[in-house]
N, C-alpha and C. Protein backbone atom coordinates (compact mmCIF):
# COMPACT_ATOMS: atom_id res chain seq x y z
N UNK A 1 -24.54 -169.99 57.74
CA UNK A 1 -24.40 -168.84 56.87
C UNK A 1 -23.21 -168.02 57.33
N UNK A 2 -22.61 -167.35 56.36
CA UNK A 2 -21.55 -166.41 56.66
C UNK A 2 -21.47 -165.39 55.53
N UNK A 3 -20.77 -164.29 55.76
CA UNK A 3 -20.59 -163.30 54.71
C UNK A 3 -19.20 -163.45 54.12
N UNK A 4 -19.08 -163.08 52.86
CA UNK A 4 -17.81 -163.19 52.15
C UNK A 4 -17.74 -162.10 51.10
N UNK A 5 -16.56 -161.49 50.93
CA UNK A 5 -16.34 -160.53 49.85
C UNK A 5 -15.74 -161.30 48.69
N UNK A 6 -16.46 -161.38 47.60
CA UNK A 6 -16.06 -162.17 46.44
C UNK A 6 -14.88 -161.52 45.74
N UNK A 7 -13.90 -162.33 45.35
CA UNK A 7 -12.74 -161.81 44.62
C UNK A 7 -13.07 -161.55 43.16
N UNK A 8 -14.19 -162.07 42.65
CA UNK A 8 -14.57 -161.86 41.26
C UNK A 8 -15.48 -160.64 41.09
N UNK A 9 -16.54 -160.55 41.89
CA UNK A 9 -17.50 -159.44 41.73
C UNK A 9 -17.29 -158.33 42.76
N UNK A 10 -16.44 -158.56 43.76
CA UNK A 10 -16.10 -157.57 44.80
C UNK A 10 -17.29 -157.18 45.67
N UNK A 11 -18.34 -157.99 45.68
CA UNK A 11 -19.49 -157.72 46.53
C UNK A 11 -19.42 -158.55 47.80
N UNK A 12 -19.89 -157.97 48.89
CA UNK A 12 -20.02 -158.72 50.14
C UNK A 12 -21.37 -159.43 50.08
N UNK A 13 -21.32 -160.75 50.14
CA UNK A 13 -22.53 -161.55 49.97
C UNK A 13 -22.75 -162.46 51.17
N UNK A 14 -23.99 -162.75 51.43
CA UNK A 14 -24.35 -163.73 52.43
C UNK A 14 -24.31 -165.10 51.76
N UNK A 15 -23.50 -166.02 52.29
CA UNK A 15 -23.33 -167.35 51.71
C UNK A 15 -24.12 -168.34 52.55
N UNK A 16 -24.99 -169.10 51.89
CA UNK A 16 -25.84 -170.09 52.56
C UNK A 16 -25.20 -171.47 52.46
N UNK A 17 -25.52 -172.38 53.37
CA UNK A 17 -24.96 -173.74 53.32
C UNK A 17 -25.19 -174.44 51.98
N UNK A 18 -26.28 -174.13 51.30
CA UNK A 18 -26.55 -174.77 50.01
C UNK A 18 -25.53 -174.36 48.93
N UNK A 19 -24.79 -173.28 49.15
CA UNK A 19 -23.78 -172.83 48.19
C UNK A 19 -22.43 -173.50 48.43
N UNK A 20 -22.25 -174.12 49.58
CA UNK A 20 -20.97 -174.76 49.92
C UNK A 20 -20.86 -176.07 49.16
N UNK A 21 -19.74 -176.25 48.46
CA UNK A 21 -19.51 -177.45 47.67
C UNK A 21 -18.51 -178.39 48.32
N UNK A 22 -17.70 -177.88 49.25
CA UNK A 22 -16.71 -178.73 49.92
C UNK A 22 -16.19 -178.04 51.17
N UNK A 23 -15.73 -178.84 52.12
CA UNK A 23 -15.04 -178.35 53.30
C UNK A 23 -13.83 -179.25 53.48
N UNK A 24 -12.65 -178.64 53.58
CA UNK A 24 -11.41 -179.39 53.74
C UNK A 24 -10.63 -178.83 54.91
N UNK A 25 -9.85 -179.67 55.55
CA UNK A 25 -9.02 -179.26 56.68
C UNK A 25 -7.72 -178.67 56.14
N UNK A 26 -7.26 -177.59 56.75
CA UNK A 26 -5.97 -176.99 56.44
C UNK A 26 -5.24 -176.74 57.75
N UNK A 27 -4.01 -176.31 57.67
CA UNK A 27 -3.24 -176.01 58.89
C UNK A 27 -3.86 -174.87 59.68
N UNK A 28 -4.58 -173.97 59.01
CA UNK A 28 -5.22 -172.84 59.68
C UNK A 28 -6.61 -173.17 60.19
N UNK A 29 -7.16 -174.30 59.78
CA UNK A 29 -8.51 -174.69 60.17
C UNK A 29 -9.30 -175.11 58.95
N UNK A 30 -10.61 -175.33 59.10
CA UNK A 30 -11.42 -175.77 57.97
C UNK A 30 -11.56 -174.67 56.92
N UNK A 31 -11.49 -175.07 55.65
CA UNK A 31 -11.66 -174.16 54.52
C UNK A 31 -12.91 -174.59 53.76
N UNK A 32 -13.83 -173.65 53.58
CA UNK A 32 -15.05 -173.91 52.82
C UNK A 32 -14.87 -173.45 51.39
N UNK A 33 -15.24 -174.30 50.44
CA UNK A 33 -15.28 -173.93 49.03
C UNK A 33 -16.76 -173.79 48.67
N UNK A 34 -17.10 -172.71 47.97
CA UNK A 34 -18.50 -172.41 47.69
C UNK A 34 -18.61 -171.62 46.40
N UNK A 35 -19.82 -171.50 45.90
CA UNK A 35 -20.08 -170.72 44.69
C UNK A 35 -20.76 -169.42 45.09
N UNK A 36 -20.16 -168.31 44.69
CA UNK A 36 -20.73 -166.99 44.96
C UNK A 36 -22.00 -166.82 44.14
N UNK A 37 -22.81 -165.85 44.50
CA UNK A 37 -24.04 -165.55 43.76
C UNK A 37 -23.73 -165.17 42.32
N UNK A 38 -22.52 -164.66 42.04
CA UNK A 38 -22.15 -164.28 40.67
C UNK A 38 -21.70 -165.49 39.85
N UNK A 39 -21.53 -166.66 40.51
CA UNK A 39 -21.13 -167.87 39.81
C UNK A 39 -19.67 -168.24 40.00
N UNK A 40 -18.89 -167.38 40.61
CA UNK A 40 -17.46 -167.63 40.80
C UNK A 40 -17.23 -168.60 41.96
N UNK A 41 -16.32 -169.55 41.76
CA UNK A 41 -15.94 -170.45 42.85
C UNK A 41 -15.02 -169.70 43.79
N UNK A 42 -15.30 -169.79 45.07
CA UNK A 42 -14.54 -169.09 46.10
C UNK A 42 -14.18 -170.07 47.20
N UNK A 43 -13.23 -169.68 48.04
CA UNK A 43 -12.92 -170.46 49.24
C UNK A 43 -12.56 -169.49 50.35
N UNK A 44 -12.83 -169.91 51.57
CA UNK A 44 -12.57 -169.06 52.72
C UNK A 44 -12.33 -169.93 53.94
N UNK A 45 -11.45 -169.45 54.79
CA UNK A 45 -11.21 -170.11 56.07
C UNK A 45 -12.50 -170.05 56.87
N UNK A 46 -12.96 -171.18 57.35
CA UNK A 46 -14.24 -171.27 58.04
C UNK A 46 -14.02 -171.25 59.55
N UNK A 47 -13.45 -170.17 60.04
CA UNK A 47 -13.25 -170.00 61.48
C UNK A 47 -14.00 -168.75 61.92
N UNK A 48 -15.26 -168.69 61.58
CA UNK A 48 -16.04 -167.49 61.78
C UNK A 48 -16.74 -167.42 63.13
N UNK A 49 -16.95 -168.55 63.77
CA UNK A 49 -17.65 -168.57 65.06
C UNK A 49 -16.65 -168.37 66.19
N UNK A 50 -17.02 -167.58 67.20
CA UNK A 50 -16.15 -167.42 68.36
C UNK A 50 -15.90 -168.76 69.05
N UNK A 51 -14.76 -168.90 69.68
CA UNK A 51 -14.39 -170.16 70.33
C UNK A 51 -15.36 -170.55 71.44
N UNK A 52 -16.09 -169.59 72.00
CA UNK A 52 -17.00 -169.88 73.11
C UNK A 52 -18.40 -170.23 72.64
N UNK A 53 -18.65 -170.17 71.31
CA UNK A 53 -20.01 -170.43 70.82
C UNK A 53 -20.24 -171.93 70.64
N UNK A 54 -21.46 -172.25 70.22
CA UNK A 54 -21.81 -173.63 69.92
C UNK A 54 -21.05 -174.12 68.71
N UNK A 55 -21.02 -175.43 68.54
CA UNK A 55 -20.34 -176.04 67.40
C UNK A 55 -20.99 -175.62 66.09
N UNK A 56 -20.16 -175.26 65.09
CA UNK A 56 -20.64 -174.85 63.78
C UNK A 56 -20.84 -176.10 62.93
N UNK A 57 -22.01 -176.23 62.32
CA UNK A 57 -22.32 -177.39 61.48
C UNK A 57 -22.78 -176.90 60.13
N UNK A 58 -22.16 -177.43 59.06
CA UNK A 58 -22.60 -177.12 57.70
C UNK A 58 -23.55 -178.20 57.26
N UNK A 59 -24.72 -177.85 56.85
CA UNK A 59 -25.69 -178.82 56.36
C UNK A 59 -25.90 -178.60 54.87
N UNK A 60 -25.87 -179.65 54.12
CA UNK A 60 -26.07 -179.50 52.67
C UNK A 60 -27.51 -179.76 52.32
């Protein structure tokens, strides 16, 4: 899970793994594509966990 401010509805929402539709590698790191609660497709850099934490795993 992570939080995201939607560019369509402007709300800060909690995004669950079930909302993630894709994860792709970019030069900045992994990018998650997901559907906001309002229905808008969004994407965000998925570098939310500190470097010292456990490995982040997305489960569908």
